[in-house]
Amino acid sequence: MDSSGVLLALEEQRKWRDRRKRIEERMRQVDRRRGYLLRELDHARRKLSEYARMLSEPAAGPRTAEQTLPLQSLLR
């Protein structure tokens, strides 16, 4: 193999290394985003459960419209 072929091979090797690093970094970003979204989903589920529990508990006296939170609107 002549020197230009060696230089070309080294350049290609460097390009593939750089591509691999970019892909690995992107995968780390996606994993971090996934973790964040899972935490947000868990938080939303807890809040929904809390609101559903509040609606199902017997109230101490009649509730006004402002005190009642429509559960169906939370599920949309």
Protein backbone atom coordinates (compact mmCIF):
# COMPACT_ATOMS: atom_id res chain seq x y z
CA MET A 1 0.00 0.00 0.00
CA ASP A 2 1.44 3.37 -0.91
CA SER A 3 1.59 6.39 1.39
CA SER A 4 -1.57 8.03 -0.02
CA GLY A 5 -3.51 4.81 0.65
CA VAL A 6 -2.23 4.72 4.21
CA LEU A 7 -3.17 8.36 4.76
CA LEU A 8 -6.63 7.74 3.31
CA ALA A 9 -7.11 4.70 5.56
CA LEU A 10 -6.06 6.70 8.62
CA GLU A 11 -8.43 9.50 7.68
CA GLU A 12 -11.32 7.05 7.28
CA GLN A 13 -10.45 5.48 10.61
CA ARG A 14 -10.54 8.91 12.27
CA LYS A 15 -13.90 9.71 10.64
CA TRP A 16 -15.44 6.47 11.90
CA ARG A 17 -14.10 7.09 15.39
CA ASP A 18 -15.65 10.58 15.36
CA ARG A 19 -18.96 9.20 14.10
CA ARG A 20 -18.96 6.58 16.82
CA LYS A 21 -18.30 9.21 19.49
CA ARG A 22 -21.17 11.36 18.19
CA ILE A 23 -23.54 8.40 18.17
CA GLU A 24 -22.53 7.39 21.71
CA GLU A 25 -23.07 10.96 22.93
CA ARG A 26 -26.48 11.08 21.26
CA MET A 27 -27.42 7.80 22.93
CA ARG A 28 -26.42 9.24 26.31
CA GLN A 29 -28.58 12.32 25.61
CA VAL A 30 -31.55 10.11 24.70
CA ASP A 31 -31.08 8.06 27.89
CA ARG A 32 -30.99 11.22 30.00
CA ARG A 33 -34.12 12.53 28.28
CA ARG A 34 -35.84 9.21 28.81
CA GLY A 35 -35.05 9.32 32.52
CA TYR A 36 -36.39 12.86 32.76
CA LEU A 37 -39.60 11.93 30.95
CA LEU A 38 -40.10 8.87 33.16
CA ARG A 39 -39.78 11.07 36.25
CA GLU A 40 -42.28 13.56 34.77
CA LEU A 41 -44.70 10.73 33.99
CA ASP A 42 -44.40 9.38 37.52
CA HIS A 43 -45.07 12.85 38.92
CA ALA A 44 -48.14 13.29 36.70
CA ARG A 45 -49.49 9.89 37.72
CA ARG A 46 -49.06 10.73 41.41
CA LYS A 47 -50.86 14.05 40.94
CA LEU A 48 -53.68 12.36 39.04
CA SER A 49 -54.02 9.78 41.79
CA GLU A 50 -54.04 12.55 44.39
CA TYR A 51 -56.78 14.46 42.54
CA ALA A 52 -58.84 11.29 42.04
CA ARG A 53 -58.53 10.52 45.75
CA MET A 54 -59.63 14.06 46.61
CA LEU A 55 -62.69 13.69 44.40
CA SER A 56 -63.65 10.30 45.82
CA GLU A 57 -63.36 11.31 49.48
CA PRO A 58 -66.58 12.37 51.14
CA ALA A 59 -66.50 16.10 51.60
CA ALA A 60 -67.11 17.83 54.88
CA GLY A 61 -70.19 19.64 53.65
CA PRO A 62 -71.28 20.62 50.16
CA ARG A 63 -68.61 21.55 47.64
CA THR A 64 -68.73 24.56 45.43
CA ALA A 65 -67.89 24.42 41.73
CA GLU A 66 -64.49 25.96 42.45
CA GLN A 67 -63.63 23.19 44.88
CA THR A 68 -64.54 20.38 42.47
CA LEU A 69 -61.90 19.41 39.94
CA PRO A 70 -63.28 17.50 36.94
CA LEU A 71 -61.36 14.25 36.68
CA GLN A 72 -62.17 13.72 33.01
CA SER A 73 -60.40 16.93 32.02
CA LEU A 74 -57.21 15.64 33.70
CA LEU A 75 -57.30 12.43 31.67
CA ARG A 76 -57.30 14.20 28.30
